[in-house]
Amino acid sequence: MTPLHGFATAAAALAITFVAPASAQDAGAQAFGMCRACHTIDKGGRNGVGPSLSGIFGRKAGTVAGFTYSAAMKNSGIVWDEKSLAEFLASPTKKVPGTKMPISVSDPAKRSALVAYLKTATAK
């Protein structure tokens, strides 16, 4: 075996174990994993601890039938779009003081990927 052969073998092994970075949709889907415990995204999905997020974009906050919202959310006047959802996810209790949602997504890249994922996934 030549030294070059050993290098090529090591390089091939590294290439095989290298995992390409996830796409934005993959990153968003992964970020949604923590949301899945409380929310559904499928059309006609059930409400859980949190409301169904199906059709969230363009919907007024606090209006999903069958979910009991806080007065703060019902009275927030928010119509969900990318900006308002990103602001809410960054700090729910700051955006809507009195909301029942205690979970934030502090990482801007993760939050951006999550919002982009929800834009696509909740429109189906």
PDB file of N, CA and C in Angstrom:
ATOM      1  N   MET A   1       0.851  -1.172   0.000  1.00  0.00           N
ATOM      2  CA  MET A   1       0.000   0.000   0.000  1.00  0.00           C
ATOM      3  C   MET A   1       0.895   1.232   0.000  1.00  0.00           C
ATOM      4  N   THR A   2       0.596   2.181  -0.854  1.00  0.00           N
ATOM      5  CA  THR A   2       1.376   3.411  -0.939  1.00  0.00           C
ATOM      6  C   THR A   2       0.791   4.426   0.025  1.00  0.00           C
ATOM      7  N   PRO A   3       1.590   5.427   0.399  1.00  0.00           N
ATOM      8  CA  PRO A   3       1.053   6.476   1.278  1.00  0.00           C
ATOM      9  C   PRO A   3      -0.168   7.166   0.671  1.00  0.00           C
ATOM     10  N   LEU A   4      -0.146   7.323  -0.643  1.00  0.00           N
ATOM     11  CA  LEU A   4      -1.273   7.958  -1.309  1.00  0.00           C
ATOM     12  C   LEU A   4      -2.537   7.118  -1.172  1.00  0.00           C
ATOM     13  N   HIS A   5      -2.383   5.796  -1.249  1.00  0.00           N
ATOM     14  CA  HIS A   5      -3.525   4.894  -1.089  1.00  0.00           C
ATOM     15  C   HIS A   5      -4.143   5.044   0.298  1.00  0.00           C
ATOM     16  N   GLY A   6      -3.310   5.142   1.314  1.00  0.00           N
ATOM     17  CA  GLY A   6      -3.806   5.328   2.684  1.00  0.00           C
ATOM     18  C   GLY A   6      -4.559   6.634   2.840  1.00  0.00           C
ATOM     19  N   PHE A   7      -4.035   7.694   2.214  1.00  0.00           N
ATOM     20  CA  PHE A   7      -4.707   8.988   2.244  1.00  0.00           C
ATOM     21  C   PHE A   7      -6.058   8.912   1.559  1.00  0.00           C
ATOM     22  N   ALA A   8      -6.083   8.261   0.410  1.00  0.00           N
ATOM     23  CA  ALA A   8      -7.332   8.135  -0.345  1.00  0.00           C
ATOM     24  C   ALA A   8      -8.360   7.348   0.450  1.00  0.00           C
ATOM     25  N   THR A   9      -7.920   6.303   1.123  1.00  0.00           N
ATOM     26  CA  THR A   9      -8.832   5.504   1.935  1.00  0.00           C
ATOM     27  C   THR A   9      -9.396   6.338   3.089  1.00  0.00           C
ATOM     28  N   ALA A  10      -8.535   7.107   3.750  1.00  0.00           N
ATOM     29  CA  ALA A  10      -8.994   7.955   4.856  1.00  0.00           C
ATOM     30  C   ALA A  10      -9.950   9.034   4.352  1.00  0.00           C
ATOM     31  N   ALA A  11      -9.623   9.614   3.196  1.00  0.00           N
ATOM     32  CA  ALA A  11     -10.500  10.645   2.632  1.00  0.00           C
ATOM     33  C   ALA A  11     -11.854  10.056   2.263  1.00  0.00           C
ATOM     34  N   ALA A  12     -11.848   8.856   1.719  1.00  0.00           N
ATOM     35  CA  ALA A  12     -13.109   8.205   1.362  1.00  0.00           C
ATOM     36  C   ALA A  12     -13.939   7.929   2.617  1.00  0.00           C
ATOM     37  N   ALA A  13     -13.284   7.500   3.676  1.00  0.00           N
ATOM     38  CA  ALA A  13     -14.001   7.230   4.929  1.00  0.00           C
ATOM     39  C   ALA A  13     -14.624   8.509   5.473  1.00  0.00           C
ATOM     40  N   LEU A  14     -13.887   9.611   5.407  1.00  0.00           N
ATOM     41  CA  LEU A  14     -14.436  10.893   5.858  1.00  0.00           C
ATOM     42  C   LEU A  14     -15.608  11.322   4.988  1.00  0.00           C
ATOM     43  N   ALA A  15     -15.491  11.135   3.697  1.00  0.00           N
ATOM     44  CA  ALA A  15     -16.568  11.513   2.787  1.00  0.00           C
ATOM     45  C   ALA A  15     -17.825  10.715   3.059  1.00  0.00           C
ATOM     46  N   ILE A  16     -17.672   9.469   3.416  1.00  0.00           N
ATOM     47  CA  ILE A  16     -18.824   8.611   3.697  1.00  0.00           C
ATOM     48  C   ILE A  16     -19.515   9.031   4.983  1.00  0.00           C
ATOM     49  N   THR A  17     -18.736   9.460   5.993  1.00  0.00           N
ATOM     50  CA  THR A  17     -19.331   9.813   7.274  1.00  0.00           C
ATOM     51  C   THR A  17     -19.814  11.261   7.329  1.00  0.00           C
ATOM     52  N   PHE A  18     -19.428  12.082   6.350  1.00  0.00           N
ATOM     53  CA  PHE A  18     -19.869  13.465   6.320  1.00  0.00           C
ATOM     54  C   PHE A  18     -21.354  13.530   6.023  1.00  0.00           C
ATOM     55  N   VAL A  19     -22.066  14.301   6.812  1.00  0.00           N
ATOM     56  CA  VAL A  19     -23.492  14.495   6.588  1.00  0.00           C
ATOM     57  C   VAL A  19     -23.701  15.931   6.149  1.00  0.00           C
ATOM     58  N   ALA A  20     -24.303  16.092   5.019  1.00  0.00           N
ATOM     59  CA  ALA A  20     -24.548  17.440   4.498  1.00  0.00           C
ATOM     60  C   ALA A  20     -25.484  18.191   5.420  1.00  0.00           C
ATOM     61  N   PRO A  21     -25.326  19.508   5.498  1.00  0.00           N
ATOM     62  CA  PRO A  21     -26.230  20.297   6.332  1.00  0.00           C
ATOM     63  C   PRO A  21     -27.677  20.117   5.882  1.00  0.00           C
ATOM     64  N   ALA A  22     -28.560  20.179   6.825  1.00  0.00           N
ATOM     65  CA  ALA A  22     -29.994  20.029   6.526  1.00  0.00           C
ATOM     66  C   ALA A  22     -30.486  21.229   5.738  1.00  0.00           C
ATOM     67  N   SER A  23     -31.488  21.020   4.905  1.00  0.00           N
ATOM     68  CA  SER A  23     -32.110  22.138   4.200  1.00  0.00           C
ATOM     69  C   SER A  23     -32.889  22.969   5.214  1.00  0.00           C
ATOM     70  N   ALA A  24     -33.284  24.144   4.795  1.00  0.00           N
ATOM     71  CA  ALA A  24     -34.081  25.002   5.681  1.00  0.00           C
ATOM     72  C   ALA A  24     -35.370  24.298   6.096  1.00  0.00           C
ATOM     73  N   GLN A  25     -36.018  23.592   5.151  1.00  0.00           N
ATOM     74  CA  GLN A  25     -37.252  22.873   5.491  1.00  0.00           C
ATOM     75  C   GLN A  25     -36.970  21.768   6.504  1.00  0.00           C
ATOM     76  N   ASP A  26     -35.842  21.054   6.328  1.00  0.00           N
ATOM     77  CA  ASP A  26     -35.475  20.004   7.282  1.00  0.00           C
ATOM     78  C   ASP A  26     -35.202  20.604   8.654  1.00  0.00           C
ATOM     79  N   ALA A  27     -34.501  21.731   8.675  1.00  0.00           N
ATOM     80  CA  ALA A  27     -34.209  22.400   9.943  1.00  0.00           C
ATOM     81  C   ALA A  27     -35.502  22.868  10.609  1.00  0.00           C
ATOM     82  N   GLY A  28     -36.423  23.381   9.810  1.00  0.00           N
ATOM     83  CA  GLY A  28     -37.712  23.821  10.352  1.00  0.00           C
ATOM     84  C   GLY A  28     -38.535  22.668  10.871  1.00  0.00           C
ATOM     85  N   ALA A  29     -38.538  21.558  10.128  1.00  0.00           N
ATOM     86  CA  ALA A  29     -39.268  20.361  10.570  1.00  0.00           C
ATOM     87  C   ALA A  29     -38.673  19.839  11.871  1.00  0.00           C
ATOM     88  N   GLN A  30     -37.358  19.873  11.961  1.00  0.00           N
ATOM     89  CA  GLN A  30     -36.699  19.429  13.192  1.00  0.00           C
ATOM     90  C   GLN A  30     -37.051  20.354  14.348  1.00  0.00           C
ATOM     91  N   ALA A  31     -37.057  21.657  14.105  1.00  0.00           N
ATOM     92  CA  ALA A  31     -37.422  22.615  15.147  1.00  0.00           C
ATOM     93  C   ALA A  31     -38.866  22.416  15.596  1.00  0.00           C
ATOM     94  N   PHE A  32     -39.742  22.045  14.646  1.00  0.00           N
ATOM     95  CA  PHE A  32     -41.145  21.818  14.994  1.00  0.00           C
ATOM     96  C   PHE A  32     -41.306  20.617  15.923  1.00  0.00           C
ATOM     97  N   GLY A  33     -40.322  19.751  15.976  1.00  0.00           N
ATOM     98  CA  GLY A  33     -40.391  18.585  16.858  1.00  0.00           C
ATOM     99  C   GLY A  33     -40.755  18.949  18.287  1.00  0.00           C
ATOM    100  N   MET A  34     -40.220  20.065  18.777  1.00  0.00           N
ATOM    101  CA  MET A  34     -40.539  20.463  20.162  1.00  0.00           C
ATOM    102  C   MET A  34     -41.952  21.027  20.268  1.00  0.00           C
ATOM    103  N   CYS A  35     -42.493  21.505  19.173  1.00  0.00           N
ATOM    104  CA  CYS A  35     -43.845  22.083  19.158  1.00  0.00           C
ATOM    105  C   CYS A  35     -44.918  20.996  19.070  1.00  0.00           C
ATOM    106  N   ARG A  36     -44.527  19.875  18.473  1.00  0.00           N
ATOM    107  CA  ARG A  36     -45.453  18.779  18.185  1.00  0.00           C
ATOM    108  C   ARG A  36     -46.134  18.222  19.444  1.00  0.00           C
ATOM    109  N   ALA A  37     -45.512  18.392  20.577  1.00  0.00           N
ATOM    110  CA  ALA A  37     -46.107  17.901  21.823  1.00  0.00           C
ATOM    111  C   ALA A  37     -47.426  18.616  22.139  1.00  0.00           C
ATOM    112  N   CYS A  38     -47.566  19.847  21.645  1.00  0.00           N
ATOM    113  CA  CYS A  38     -48.756  20.641  21.953  1.00  0.00           C
ATOM    114  C   CYS A  38     -49.598  21.018  20.739  1.00  0.00           C
ATOM    115  N   HIS A  39     -48.994  21.036  19.548  1.00  0.00           N
ATOM    116  CA  HIS A  39     -49.665  21.542  18.346  1.00  0.00           C
ATOM    117  C   HIS A  39     -49.685  20.517  17.219  1.00  0.00           C
ATOM    118  N   THR A  40     -50.740  20.557  16.424  1.00  0.00           N
ATOM    119  CA  THR A  40     -50.796  19.802  15.178  1.00  0.00           C
ATOM    120  C   THR A  40     -50.719  20.803  14.030  1.00  0.00           C
ATOM    121  N   ILE A  41     -50.354  20.311  12.841  1.00  0.00           N
ATOM    122  CA  ILE A  41     -50.260  21.201  11.685  1.00  0.00           C
ATOM    123  C   ILE A  41     -51.105  20.727  10.518  1.00  0.00           C
ATOM    124  N   ASP A  42     -51.594  19.506  10.586  1.00  0.00           N
ATOM    125  CA  ASP A  42     -52.360  18.946   9.474  1.00  0.00           C
ATOM    126  C   ASP A  42     -53.741  19.593   9.388  1.00  0.00           C
ATOM    127  N   LYS A  43     -54.216  19.756   8.164  1.00  0.00           N
ATOM    128  CA  LYS A  43     -55.552  20.308   7.952  1.00  0.00           C
ATOM    129  C   LYS A  43     -56.564  19.455   8.720  1.00  0.00           C
ATOM    130  N   GLY A  44     -57.389  20.086   9.499  1.00  0.00           N
ATOM    131  CA  GLY A  44     -58.362  19.367  10.313  1.00  0.00           C
ATOM    132  C   GLY A  44     -57.752  18.749  11.559  1.00  0.00           C
ATOM    133  N   GLY A  45     -56.477  19.089  11.825  1.00  0.00           N
ATOM    134  CA  GLY A  45     -55.792  18.534  12.996  1.00  0.00           C
ATOM    135  C   GLY A  45     -56.460  18.957  14.291  1.00  0.00           C
ATOM    136  N   ARG A  46     -56.320  18.134  15.265  1.00  0.00           N
ATOM    137  CA  ARG A  46     -56.955  18.380  16.564  1.00  0.00           C
ATOM    138  C   ARG A  46     -56.210  19.456  17.355  1.00  0.00           C
ATOM    139  N   ASN A  47     -56.919  20.069  18.250  1.00  0.00           N
ATOM    140  CA  ASN A  47     -56.289  20.942  19.228  1.00  0.00           C
ATOM    141  C   ASN A  47     -55.717  20.052  20.315  1.00  0.00           C
ATOM    142  N   GLY A  48     -54.628  20.462  20.885  1.00  0.00           N
ATOM    143  CA  GLY A  48     -54.031  19.731  21.997  1.00  0.00           C
ATOM    144  C   GLY A  48     -53.885  20.697  23.159  1.00  0.00           C
ATOM    145  N   VAL A  49     -52.741  20.651  23.791  1.00  0.00           N
ATOM    146  CA  VAL A  49     -52.443  21.623  24.830  1.00  0.00           C
ATOM    147  C   VAL A  49     -52.439  23.022  24.206  1.00  0.00           C
ATOM    148  N   GLY A  50     -52.024  23.074  22.930  1.00  0.00           N
ATOM    149  CA  GLY A  50     -52.083  24.306  22.139  1.00  0.00           C
ATOM    150  C   GLY A  50     -53.030  24.099  20.971  1.00  0.00           C
ATOM    151  N   PRO A  51     -53.410  25.179  20.299  1.00  0.00           N
ATOM    152  CA  PRO A  51     -54.338  25.053  19.176  1.00  0.00           C
ATOM    153  C   PRO A  51     -53.680  24.433  17.950  1.00  0.00           C
ATOM    154  N   SER A  52     -54.489  23.902  17.061  1.00  0.00           N
ATOM    155  CA  SER A  52     -53.997  23.448  15.766  1.00  0.00           C
ATOM    156  C   SER A  52     -53.416  24.660  15.032  1.00  0.00           C
ATOM    157  N   LEU A  53     -52.300  24.455  14.373  1.00  0.00           N
ATOM    158  CA  LEU A  53     -51.668  25.534  13.622  1.00  0.00           C
ATOM    159  C   LEU A  53     -52.028  25.500  12.140  1.00  0.00           C
ATOM    160  N   SER A  54     -52.859  24.554  11.743  1.00  0.00           N
ATOM    161  CA  SER A  54     -53.276  24.465  10.344  1.00  0.00           C
ATOM    162  C   SER A  54     -53.921  25.782   9.923  1.00  0.00           C
ATOM    163  N   GLY A  55     -53.436  26.337   8.826  1.00  0.00           N
ATOM    164  CA  GLY A  55     -54.005  27.582   8.316  1.00  0.00           C
ATOM    165  C   GLY A  55     -53.690  28.812   9.134  1.00  0.00           C
ATOM    166  N   ILE A  56     -52.622  28.776   9.922  1.00  0.00           N
ATOM    167  CA  ILE A  56     -52.326  29.888  10.833  1.00  0.00           C
ATOM    168  C   ILE A  56     -52.037  31.205  10.122  1.00  0.00           C
ATOM    169  N   PHE A  57     -51.372  31.157   8.962  1.00  0.00           N
ATOM    170  CA  PHE A  57     -50.989  32.401   8.298  1.00  0.00           C
ATOM    171  C   PHE A  57     -52.213  33.106   7.721  1.00  0.00           C
ATOM    172  N   GLY A  58     -52.386  34.358   8.139  1.00  0.00           N
ATOM    173  CA  GLY A  58     -53.539  35.145   7.731  1.00  0.00           C
ATOM    174  C   GLY A  58     -54.713  35.027   8.690  1.00  0.00           C
ATOM    175  N   ARG A  59     -54.579  34.182   9.699  1.00  0.00           N
ATOM    176  CA  ARG A  59     -55.672  33.987  10.678  1.00  0.00           C
ATOM    177  C   ARG A  59     -55.468  34.923  11.865  1.00  0.00           C
ATOM    178  N   LYS A  60     -56.574  35.410  12.390  1.00  0.00           N
ATOM    179  CA  LYS A  60     -56.529  36.234  13.593  1.00  0.00           C
ATOM    180  C   LYS A  60     -56.211  35.342  14.786  1.00  0.00           C
ATOM    181  N   ALA A  61     -55.314  35.804  15.642  1.00  0.00           N
ATOM    182  CA  ALA A  61     -54.933  35.061  16.843  1.00  0.00           C
ATOM    183  C   ALA A  61     -56.140  34.838  17.744  1.00  0.00           C
ATOM    184  N   GLY A  62     -56.192  33.675  18.362  1.00  0.00           N
ATOM    185  CA  GLY A  62     -57.238  33.377  19.331  1.00  0.00           C
ATOM    186  C   GLY A  62     -58.554  32.957  18.736  1.00  0.00           C
ATOM    187  N   THR A  63     -58.548  32.430  17.496  1.00  0.00           N
ATOM    188  CA  THR A  63     -59.822  32.148  16.834  1.00  0.00           C
ATOM    189  C   THR A  63     -60.028  30.699  16.395  1.00  0.00           C
ATOM    190  N   VAL A  64     -59.153  29.779  16.761  1.00  0.00           N
ATOM    191  CA  VAL A  64     -59.370  28.379  16.368  1.00  0.00           C
ATOM    192  C   VAL A  64     -60.524  27.817  17.188  1.00  0.00           C
ATOM    193  N   ALA A  65     -61.533  27.313  16.504  1.00  0.00           N
ATOM    194  CA  ALA A  65     -62.714  26.757  17.162  1.00  0.00           C
ATOM    195  C   ALA A  65     -62.326  25.600  18.071  1.00  0.00           C
ATOM    196  N   GLY A  66     -62.926  25.571  19.232  1.00  0.00           N
ATOM    197  CA  GLY A  66     -62.724  24.465  20.155  1.00  0.00           C
ATOM    198  C   GLY A  66     -61.506  24.597  21.050  1.00  0.00           C
ATOM    199  N   PHE A  67     -60.729  25.657  20.904  1.00  0.00           N
ATOM    200  CA  PHE A  67     -59.575  25.847  21.783  1.00  0.00           C
ATOM    201  C   PHE A  67     -59.864  27.000  22.736  1.00  0.00           C
ATOM    202  N   THR A  68     -59.519  26.809  23.994  1.00  0.00           N
ATOM    203  CA  THR A  68     -59.744  27.830  25.009  1.00  0.00           C
ATOM    204  C   THR A  68     -58.489  28.684  25.146  1.00  0.00           C
ATOM    205  N   TYR A  69     -58.538  29.867  24.572  1.00  0.00           N
ATOM    206  CA  TYR A  69     -57.415  30.800  24.593  1.00  0.00           C
ATOM    207  C   TYR A  69     -57.441  31.669  25.841  1.00  0.00           C
ATOM    208  N   SER A  70     -56.293  32.232  26.170  1.00  0.00           N
ATOM    209  CA  SER A  70     -56.235  33.253  27.212  1.00  0.00           C
ATOM    210  C   SER A  70     -56.930  34.508  26.676  1.00  0.00           C
ATOM    211  N   ALA A  71     -57.435  35.310  27.573  1.00  0.00           N
ATOM    212  CA  ALA A  71     -58.041  36.587  27.164  1.00  0.00           C
ATOM    213  C   ALA A  71     -57.003  37.437  26.451  1.00  0.00           C
ATOM    214  N   ALA A  72     -55.762  37.355  26.888  1.00  0.00           N
ATOM    215  CA  ALA A  72     -54.693  38.143  26.270  1.00  0.00           C
ATOM    216  C   ALA A  72     -54.542  37.791  24.793  1.00  0.00           C
ATOM    217  N   MET A  73     -54.579  36.510  24.460  1.00  0.00           N
ATOM    218  CA  MET A  73     -54.425  36.091  23.065  1.00  0.00           C
ATOM    219  C   MET A  73     -55.654  36.492  22.256  1.00  0.00           C
ATOM    220  N   LYS A  74     -56.836  36.264  22.809  1.00  0.00           N
ATOM    221  CA  LYS A  74     -58.059  36.622  22.083  1.00  0.00           C
ATOM    222  C   LYS A  74     -58.130  38.115  21.792  1.00  0.00           C
ATOM    223  N   ASN A  75     -57.589  38.913  22.686  1.00  0.00           N
ATOM    224  CA  ASN A  75     -57.668  40.361  22.558  1.00  0.00           C
ATOM    225  C   ASN A  75     -56.401  40.994  21.967  1.00  0.00           C
ATOM    226  N   SER A  76     -55.474  40.167  21.509  1.00  0.00           N
ATOM    227  CA  SER A  76     -54.182  40.678  21.037  1.00  0.00           C
ATOM    228  C   SER A  76     -54.275  41.462  19.736  1.00  0.00           C
ATOM    229  N   GLY A  77     -55.269  41.158  18.910  1.00  0.00           N
ATOM    230  CA  GLY A  77     -55.394  41.837  17.620  1.00  0.00           C
ATOM    231  C   GLY A  77     -54.392  41.356  16.578  1.00  0.00           C
ATOM    232  N   ILE A  78     -53.615  40.342  16.897  1.00  0.00           N
ATOM    233  CA  ILE A  78     -52.602  39.832  15.966  1.00  0.00           C
ATOM    234  C   ILE A  78     -53.273  39.074  14.828  1.00  0.00           C
ATOM    235  N   VAL A  79     -52.811  39.311  13.625  1.00  0.00           N
ATOM    236  CA  VAL A  79     -53.120  38.468  12.479  1.00  0.00           C
ATOM    237  C   VAL A  79     -51.786  37.836  12.122  1.00  0.00           C
ATOM    238  N   TRP A  80     -51.730  36.516  12.170  1.00  0.00           N
ATOM    239  CA  TRP A  80     -50.459  35.808  12.024  1.00  0.00           C
ATOM    240  C   TRP A  80     -49.880  35.933  10.619  1.00  0.00           C
ATOM    241  N   ASP A  81     -48.634  36.391  10.582  1.00  0.00           N
ATOM    242  CA  ASP A  81     -47.824  36.389   9.368  1.00  0.00           C
ATOM    243  C   ASP A  81     -46.403  36.030   9.815  1.00  0.00           C
ATOM    244  N   GLU A  82     -45.464  36.034   8.889  1.00  0.00           N
ATOM    245  CA  GLU A  82     -44.104  35.626   9.240  1.00  0.00           C
ATOM    246  C   GLU A  82     -43.519  36.494  10.352  1.00  0.00           C
ATOM    247  N   LYS A  83     -43.718  37.796  10.259  1.00  0.00           N
ATOM    248  CA  LYS A  83     -43.146  38.714  11.243  1.00  0.00           C
ATOM    249  C   LYS A  83     -43.778  38.543  12.624  1.00  0.00           C
ATOM    250  N   SER A  84     -45.099  38.529  12.683  1.00  0.00           N
ATOM    251  CA  SER A  84     -45.752  38.427  13.996  1.00  0.00           C
ATOM    252  C   SER A  84     -45.481  37.073  14.645  1.00  0.00           C
ATOM    253  N   LEU A  85     -45.430  36.013  13.845  1.00  0.00           N
ATOM    254  CA  LEU A  85     -45.149  34.698  14.407  1.00  0.00           C
ATOM    255  C   LEU A  85     -43.708  34.622  14.908  1.00  0.00           C
ATOM    256  N   ALA A  86     -42.766  35.181  14.148  1.00  0.00           N
ATOM    257  CA  ALA A  86     -41.366  35.187  14.584  1.00  0.00           C
ATOM    258  C   ALA A  86     -41.214  35.982  15.886  1.00  0.00           C
ATOM    259  N   GLU A  87     -41.872  37.120  15.975  1.00  0.00           N
ATOM    260  CA  GLU A  87     -41.820  37.928  17.207  1.00  0.00           C
ATOM    261  C   GLU A  87     -42.418  37.162  18.374  1.00  0.00           C
ATOM    262  N   PHE A  88     -43.534  36.504  18.146  1.00  0.00           N
ATOM    263  CA  PHE A  88     -44.187  35.734  19.205  1.00  0.00           C
ATOM    264  C   PHE A  88     -43.296  34.586  19.661  1.00  0.00           C
ATOM    265  N   LEU A  89     -42.732  33.863  18.710  1.00  0.00           N
ATOM    266  CA  LEU A  89     -41.890  32.721  19.071  1.00  0.00           C
ATOM    267  C   LEU A  89     -40.616  33.142  19.791  1.00  0.00           C
ATOM    268  N   ALA A  90     -40.120  34.342  19.502  1.00  0.00           N
ATOM    269  CA  ALA A  90     -38.922  34.846  20.175  1.00  0.00           C
ATOM    270  C   ALA A  90     -39.186  35.057  21.665  1.00  0.00           C
ATOM    271  N   SER A  91     -40.374  35.527  21.990  1.00  0.00           N
ATOM    272  CA  SER A  91     -40.727  35.789  23.385  1.00  0.00           C
ATOM    273  C   SER A  91     -42.242  35.912  23.518  1.00  0.00           C
ATOM    274  N   PRO A  92     -42.923  34.759  23.636  1.00  0.00           N
ATOM    275  CA  PRO A  92     -44.393  34.788  23.684  1.00  0.00           C
ATOM    276  C   PRO A  92     -44.963  35.711  24.756  1.00  0.00           C
ATOM    277  N   THR A  93     -44.387  35.683  25.949  1.00  0.00           N
ATOM    278  CA  THR A  93     -44.954  36.486  27.037  1.00  0.00           C
ATOM    279  C   THR A  93     -44.647  37.976  26.893  1.00  0.00           C
ATOM    280  N   LYS A  94     -43.654  38.306  26.091  1.00  0.00           N
ATOM    281  CA  LYS A  94     -43.380  39.716  25.805  1.00  0.00           C
ATOM    282  C   LYS A  94     -44.317  40.224  24.708  1.00  0.00           C
ATOM    283  N   LYS A  95     -44.530  39.399  23.682  1.00  0.00           N
ATOM    284  CA  LYS A  95     -45.404  39.788  22.566  1.00  0.00           C
ATOM    285  C   LYS A  95     -46.863  39.839  23.012  1.00  0.00           C
ATOM    286  N   VAL A  96     -47.266  38.836  23.822  1.00  0.00           N
ATOM    287  CA  VAL A  96     -48.649  38.776  24.305  1.00  0.00           C
ATOM    288  C   VAL A  96     -48.611  38.487  25.808  1.00  0.00           C
ATOM    289  N   PRO A  97     -48.428  39.531  26.616  1.00  0.00           N
ATOM    290  CA  PRO A  97     -48.420  39.308  28.067  1.00  0.00           C
ATOM    291  C   PRO A  97     -49.728  38.647  28.508  1.00  0.00           C
ATOM    292  N   GLY A  98     -49.605  37.529  29.221  1.00  0.00           N
ATOM    293  CA  GLY A  98     -50.786  36.792  29.665  1.00  0.00           C
ATOM    294  C   GLY A  98     -51.084  35.580  28.805  1.00  0.00           C
ATOM    295  N   THR A  99     -50.307  35.343  27.749  1.00  0.00           N
ATOM    296  CA  THR A  99     -50.511  34.152  26.935  1.00  0.00           C
ATOM    297  C   THR A  99     -50.240  32.900  27.764  1.00  0.00           C
ATOM    298  N   LYS A 100     -50.854  31.803  27.355  1.00  0.00           N
ATOM    299  CA  LYS A 100     -50.616  30.521  28.025  1.00  0.00           C
ATOM    300  C   LYS A 100     -49.353  29.838  27.508  1.00  0.00           C
ATOM    301  N   MET A 101     -48.816  30.309  26.373  1.00  0.00           N
ATOM    302  CA  MET A 101     -47.679  29.634  25.769  1.00  0.00           C
ATOM    303  C   MET A 101     -46.378  30.020  26.482  1.00  0.00           C
ATOM    304  N   PRO A 102     -45.729  29.040  27.097  1.00  0.00           N
ATOM    305  CA  PRO A 102     -44.518  29.340  27.855  1.00  0.00           C
ATOM    306  C   PRO A 102     -43.217  29.110  27.080  1.00  0.00           C
ATOM    307  N   ILE A 103     -43.292  28.530  25.894  1.00  0.00           N
ATOM    308  CA  ILE A 103     -42.088  28.108  25.170  1.00  0.00           C
ATOM    309  C   ILE A 103     -41.676  29.161  24.152  1.00  0.00           C
ATOM    310  N   SER A 104     -40.385  29.503  24.166  1.00  0.00           N
ATOM    311  CA  SER A 104     -39.857  30.432  23.169  1.00  0.00           C
ATOM    312  C   SER A 104     -38.799  29.724  22.330  1.00  0.00           C
ATOM    313  N   VAL A 105     -38.477  30.314  21.198  1.00  0.00           N
ATOM    314  CA  VAL A 105     -37.409  29.817  20.328  1.00  0.00           C
ATOM    315  C   VAL A 105     -36.409  30.960  20.239  1.00  0.00           C
ATOM    316  N   SER A 106     -35.391  30.906  21.078  1.00  0.00           N
ATOM    317  CA  SER A 106     -34.462  32.028  21.198  1.00  0.00           C
ATOM    318  C   SER A 106     -33.469  32.120  20.045  1.00  0.00           C
ATOM    319  N   ASP A 107     -33.118  31.000  19.434  1.00  0.00           N
ATOM    320  CA  ASP A 107     -32.142  31.003  18.346  1.00  0.00           C
ATOM    321  C   ASP A 107     -32.779  31.568  17.076  1.00  0.00           C
ATOM    322  N   PRO A 108     -32.286  32.710  16.572  1.00  0.00           N
ATOM    323  CA  PRO A 108     -32.897  33.341  15.393  1.00  0.00           C
ATOM    324  C   PRO A 108     -32.913  32.438  14.154  1.00  0.00           C
ATOM    325  N   ALA A 109     -31.865  31.662  13.943  1.00  0.00           N
ATOM    326  CA  ALA A 109     -31.818  30.778  12.765  1.00  0.00           C
ATOM    327  C   ALA A 109     -32.853  29.669  12.888  1.00  0.00           C
ATOM    328  N   LYS A 110     -32.965  29.101  14.071  1.00  0.00           N
ATOM    329  CA  LYS A 110     -33.952  28.037  14.305  1.00  0.00           C
ATOM    330  C   LYS A 110     -35.363  28.596  14.169  1.00  0.00           C
ATOM    331  N   ARG A 111     -35.573  29.791  14.704  1.00  0.00           N
ATOM    332  CA  ARG A 111     -36.890  30.435  14.645  1.00  0.00           C
ATOM    333  C   ARG A 111     -37.268  30.735  13.191  1.00  0.00           C
ATOM    334  N   SER A 112     -36.324  31.244  12.421  1.00  0.00           N
ATOM    335  CA  SER A 112     -36.566  31.546  11.020  1.00  0.00           C
ATOM    336  C   SER A 112     -36.907  30.281  10.236  1.00  0.00           C
ATOM    337  N   ALA A 113     -36.163  29.217  10.490  1.00  0.00           N
ATOM    338  CA  ALA A 113     -36.427  27.935   9.817  1.00  0.00           C
ATOM    339  C   ALA A 113     -37.797  27.400  10.219  1.00  0.00           C
ATOM    340  N   LEU A 114     -38.150  27.548  11.487  1.00  0.00           N
ATOM    341  CA  LEU A 114     -39.442  27.071  11.977  1.00  0.00           C
ATOM    342  C   LEU A 114     -40.588  27.834  11.310  1.00  0.00           C
ATOM    343  N   VAL A 115     -40.474  29.148  11.220  1.00  0.00           N
ATOM    344  CA  VAL A 115     -41.527  29.958  10.594  1.00  0.00           C
ATOM    345  C   VAL A 115     -41.665  29.593   9.117  1.00  0.00           C
ATOM    346  N   ALA A 116     -40.544  29.428   8.428  1.00  0.00           N
ATOM    347  CA  ALA A 116     -40.586  29.043   7.011  1.00  0.00           C
ATOM    348  C   ALA A 116     -41.235  27.671   6.840  1.00  0.00           C
ATOM    349  N   TYR A 117     -40.899  26.754   7.719  1.00  0.00           N
ATOM    350  CA  TYR A 117     -41.500  25.407   7.678  1.00  0.00           C
ATOM    351  C   TYR A 117     -43.009  25.494   7.906  1.00  0.00           C
ATOM    352  N   LEU A 118     -43.420  26.239   8.916  1.00  0.00           N
ATOM    353  CA  LEU A 118     -44.850  26.367   9.223  1.00  0.00           C
ATOM    354  C   LEU A 118     -45.599  27.038   8.085  1.00  0.00           C
ATOM    355  N   LYS A 119     -44.980  27.974   7.406  1.00  0.00           N
ATOM    356  CA  LYS A 119     -45.624  28.655   6.266  1.00  0.00           C
ATOM    357  C   LYS A 119     -46.017  27.623   5.207  1.00  0.00           C
ATOM    358  N   THR A 120     -45.143  26.679   4.961  1.00  0.00           N
ATOM    359  CA  THR A 120     -45.412  25.638   3.963  1.00  0.00           C
ATOM    360  C   THR A 120     -46.292  24.532   4.524  1.00  0.00           C
ATOM    361  N   ALA A 121     -45.940  24.014   5.690  1.00  0.00           N
ATOM    362  CA  ALA A 121     -46.595  22.837   6.252  1.00  0.00           C
ATOM    363  C   ALA A 121     -48.039  23.090   6.668  1.00  0.00           C
ATOM    364  N   THR A 122     -48.348  24.300   7.107  1.00  0.00           N
ATOM    365  CA  THR A 122     -49.707  24.577   7.598  1.00  0.00           C
ATOM    366  C   THR A 122     -50.651  25.026   6.489  1.00  0.00           C
ATOM    367  N   ALA A 123     -50.129  25.186   5.290  1.00  0.00           N
ATOM    368  CA  ALA A 123     -50.966  25.596   4.154  1.00  0.00           C
ATOM    369  C   ALA A 123     -51.548  24.393   3.431  1.00  0.00           C
ATOM    370  N   LYS A 124     -51.106  23.195   3.761  1.00  0.00           N
ATOM    371  CA  LYS A 124     -51.541  21.972   3.071  1.00  0.00           C
ATOM    372  C   LYS A 124     -52.938  21.574   3.469  1.00  0.00           C
TER     373      LYS A 124
END
